[in-house]
Amino acid sequence: MSVFTKFVLGEYKHSTFSCDFQIIIIIMMIIIIMIIIIIIIIIIRNSKCRLCQQFYETIDHIIPACPILAKEQCIKRHDRVCAHYTSTYARKQG
């Protein structure tokens, strides 16, 4: 039976080697967890726009440049700003 099998089965607990082996396993687990976290961060940062699927989903893309939003939302936002401006201007003029 190998040292690893004995360790997993709990037969190798009381040896000084098992403490070193446990530390190595803990370090390996920490490294694996860190790699998984890094992969998740890369996936999140490099995600494409959910609407157009062409560009990265950033503020610089969404507000002025997303072709899907540009057709609808930017025009609506522009119309709301214009309506607000004209109503404010009309109130000031009396």
Foldseek 3Di string as FASTA:
>chain_A
DDPVVCLVVVNNPPDPVSVVVVVVVVVVVVVVVVVVVVVVVVCLQQAADPPPRPHTDDPVCPPDNPPVCNVPVVVVVVVVVVVVVVVVVVVVVD
